[in-house]
Amino acid sequence: MKPISSAARKGRKLPLVEFNYQPMRLSRFHAGCGKSVPPAFHSISRNYFQREARRDFVGELGLFVVITLTAAAPFFSTASALTELCRAIGQL
């Protein structure tokens, strides 16, 4: 739809619109289903773990261990401090 020029309006507030719309025809395309079968989920995951995951596993495991030890250090410190507090309270 294309608007008609503003000179043809003659004092109207809204522009006139040409309503002669014709959709484009797609004669080569049809809604038929393709006959390709998607791979099963287990075969996708198997291929991932065989090819891609092995390369990064060792590095990610090392990083996970470092993060876990860094997060666990305050817990050990807290356990030690609570043990000393219990001993101090028990002697009173």
C-alpha atoms as a PDB file:
ATOM      1  CA  MET A   1       0.000   0.000   0.000  1.00  0.00           C
ATOM      2  CA  LYS A   2       1.438   3.310  -0.991  1.00  0.00           C
ATOM      3  CA  PRO A   3       0.148   6.724  -0.011  1.00  0.00           C
ATOM      4  CA  ILE A   4      -1.057   9.101  -2.704  1.00  0.00           C
ATOM      5  CA  SER A   5       0.863  12.356  -2.953  1.00  0.00           C
ATOM      6  CA  SER A   6       0.096  15.143  -0.511  1.00  0.00           C
ATOM      7  CA  ALA A   7      -0.963  17.462  -3.356  1.00  0.00           C
ATOM      8  CA  ALA A   8      -3.952  15.229  -4.088  1.00  0.00           C
ATOM      9  CA  ARG A   9      -5.284  15.475  -0.528  1.00  0.00           C
ATOM     10  CA  LYS A  10      -7.126  18.766  -0.951  1.00  0.00           C
ATOM     11  CA  GLY A  11      -7.434  19.642   2.732  1.00  0.00           C
ATOM     12  CA  ARG A  12      -8.067  16.163   4.108  1.00  0.00           C
ATOM     13  CA  LYS A  13      -6.397  15.262   7.362  1.00  0.00           C
ATOM     14  CA  LEU A  14      -5.353  11.714   6.483  1.00  0.00           C
ATOM     15  CA  PRO A  15      -3.700  10.734   3.202  1.00  0.00           C
ATOM     16  CA  LEU A  16      -5.584   8.529   0.775  1.00  0.00           C
ATOM     17  CA  VAL A  17      -4.191   5.054   0.419  1.00  0.00           C
ATOM     18  CA  GLU A  18      -4.189   2.918  -2.681  1.00  0.00           C
ATOM     19  CA  PHE A  19      -5.792  -0.420  -1.731  1.00  0.00           C
ATOM     20  CA  ASN A  20      -4.746  -2.389  -4.785  1.00  0.00           C
ATOM     21  CA  TYR A  21      -2.358  -4.744  -2.972  1.00  0.00           C
ATOM     22  CA  GLN A  22      -1.389  -7.991  -4.670  1.00  0.00           C
ATOM     23  CA  PRO A  23       0.758 -10.509  -2.809  1.00  0.00           C
ATOM     24  CA  MET A  24       3.835 -11.983  -4.390  1.00  0.00           C
ATOM     25  CA  ARG A  25       3.412 -15.531  -5.623  1.00  0.00           C
ATOM     26  CA  LEU A  26       5.926 -18.178  -4.656  1.00  0.00           C
ATOM     27  CA  SER A  27       5.236 -20.835  -7.261  1.00  0.00           C
ATOM     28  CA  ARG A  28       8.551 -22.633  -6.721  1.00  0.00           C
ATOM     29  CA  PHE A  29       8.001 -23.065  -2.997  1.00  0.00           C
ATOM     30  CA  HIS A  30       5.607 -25.458  -1.345  1.00  0.00           C
ATOM     31  CA  ALA A  31       4.905 -26.463   2.224  1.00  0.00           C
ATOM     32  CA  GLY A  32       6.092 -30.010   1.798  1.00  0.00           C
ATOM     33  CA  CYS A  33       8.070 -31.606   4.581  1.00  0.00           C
ATOM     34  CA  GLY A  34      11.719 -32.358   4.042  1.00  0.00           C
ATOM     35  CA  LYS A  35      12.579 -35.986   4.567  1.00  0.00           C
ATOM     36  CA  SER A  36      15.655 -35.437   6.693  1.00  0.00           C
ATOM     37  CA  VAL A  37      15.611 -37.135  10.076  1.00  0.00           C
ATOM     38  CA  PRO A  38      17.200 -35.140  12.893  1.00  0.00           C
ATOM     39  CA  PRO A  39      19.824 -37.018  14.901  1.00  0.00           C
ATOM     40  CA  ALA A  40      18.768 -38.478  18.215  1.00  0.00           C
ATOM     41  CA  PHE A  41      19.708 -36.650  21.402  1.00  0.00           C
ATOM     42  CA  HIS A  42      21.977 -39.446  22.649  1.00  0.00           C
ATOM     43  CA  SER A  43      23.970 -39.422  19.416  1.00  0.00           C
ATOM     44  CA  ILE A  44      24.427 -35.644  19.652  1.00  0.00           C
ATOM     45  CA  SER A  45      25.688 -35.915  23.224  1.00  0.00           C
ATOM     46  CA  ARG A  46      27.888 -38.901  22.362  1.00  0.00           C
ATOM     47  CA  ASN A  47      29.527 -36.976  19.530  1.00  0.00           C
ATOM     48  CA  TYR A  48      30.044 -33.979  21.812  1.00  0.00           C
ATOM     49  CA  PHE A  49      31.715 -35.998  24.545  1.00  0.00           C
ATOM     50  CA  GLN A  50      33.876 -37.924  22.081  1.00  0.00           C
ATOM     51  CA  ARG A  51      35.158 -34.928  20.133  1.00  0.00           C
ATOM     52  CA  GLU A  52      34.827 -31.622  21.921  1.00  0.00           C
ATOM     53  CA  ALA A  53      34.529 -32.289  25.639  1.00  0.00           C
ATOM     54  CA  ARG A  54      37.750 -34.250  26.022  1.00  0.00           C
ATOM     55  CA  ARG A  55      39.885 -31.307  24.957  1.00  0.00           C
ATOM     56  CA  ASP A  56      38.561 -28.973  27.594  1.00  0.00           C
ATOM     57  CA  PHE A  57      37.879 -31.434  30.395  1.00  0.00           C
ATOM     58  CA  VAL A  58      41.325 -31.381  32.039  1.00  0.00           C
ATOM     59  CA  GLY A  59      41.527 -27.582  32.080  1.00  0.00           C
ATOM     60  CA  GLU A  60      38.006 -27.212  33.422  1.00  0.00           C
ATOM     61  CA  LEU A  61      38.655 -29.862  36.071  1.00  0.00           C
ATOM     62  CA  GLY A  62      41.735 -27.968  37.263  1.00  0.00           C
ATOM     63  CA  LEU A  63      39.827 -24.710  37.411  1.00  0.00           C
ATOM     64  CA  PHE A  64      36.977 -26.413  39.308  1.00  0.00           C
ATOM     65  CA  VAL A  65      39.424 -27.803  41.890  1.00  0.00           C
ATOM     66  CA  VAL A  66      41.024 -24.389  42.390  1.00  0.00           C
ATOM     67  CA  ILE A  67      37.640 -22.694  42.849  1.00  0.00           C
ATOM     68  CA  THR A  68      36.447 -25.432  45.227  1.00  0.00           C
ATOM     69  CA  LEU A  69      39.565 -25.193  47.386  1.00  0.00           C
ATOM     70  CA  THR A  70      39.326 -21.404  47.436  1.00  0.00           C
ATOM     71  CA  ALA A  71      35.697 -21.609  48.553  1.00  0.00           C
ATOM     72  CA  ALA A  72      36.416 -24.376  51.104  1.00  0.00           C
ATOM     73  CA  ALA A  73      39.257 -22.528  52.880  1.00  0.00           C
ATOM     74  CA  PRO A  74      36.926 -20.166  54.822  1.00  0.00           C
ATOM     75  CA  PHE A  75      34.824 -23.130  55.961  1.00  0.00           C
ATOM     76  CA  PHE A  76      37.888 -24.853  57.444  1.00  0.00           C
ATOM     77  CA  SER A  77      38.890 -21.620  59.124  1.00  0.00           C
ATOM     78  CA  THR A  78      35.381 -21.205  60.552  1.00  0.00           C
ATOM     79  CA  ALA A  79      35.351 -24.802  61.826  1.00  0.00           C
ATOM     80  CA  SER A  80      38.696 -24.243  63.539  1.00  0.00           C
ATOM     81  CA  ALA A  81      37.488 -21.017  65.153  1.00  0.00           C
ATOM     82  CA  LEU A  82      34.278 -22.681  66.378  1.00  0.00           C
ATOM     83  CA  THR A  83      36.276 -25.541  67.847  1.00  0.00           C
ATOM     84  CA  GLU A  84      38.473 -23.108  69.772  1.00  0.00           C
ATOM     85  CA  LEU A  85      35.341 -21.221  70.951  1.00  0.00           C
ATOM     86  CA  CYS A  86      33.754 -24.459  72.222  1.00  0.00           C
ATOM     87  CA  ARG A  87      36.956 -25.337  74.087  1.00  0.00           C
ATOM     88  CA  ALA A  88      37.112 -21.872  75.658  1.00  0.00           C
ATOM     89  CA  ILE A  89      33.464 -22.001  76.722  1.00  0.00           C
ATOM     90  CA  GLY A  90      33.836 -25.553  78.043  1.00  0.00           C
ATOM     91  CA  GLN A  91      36.652 -24.540  80.381  1.00  0.00           C
ATOM     92  CA  LEU A  92      34.596 -21.822  82.052  1.00  0.00           C
END
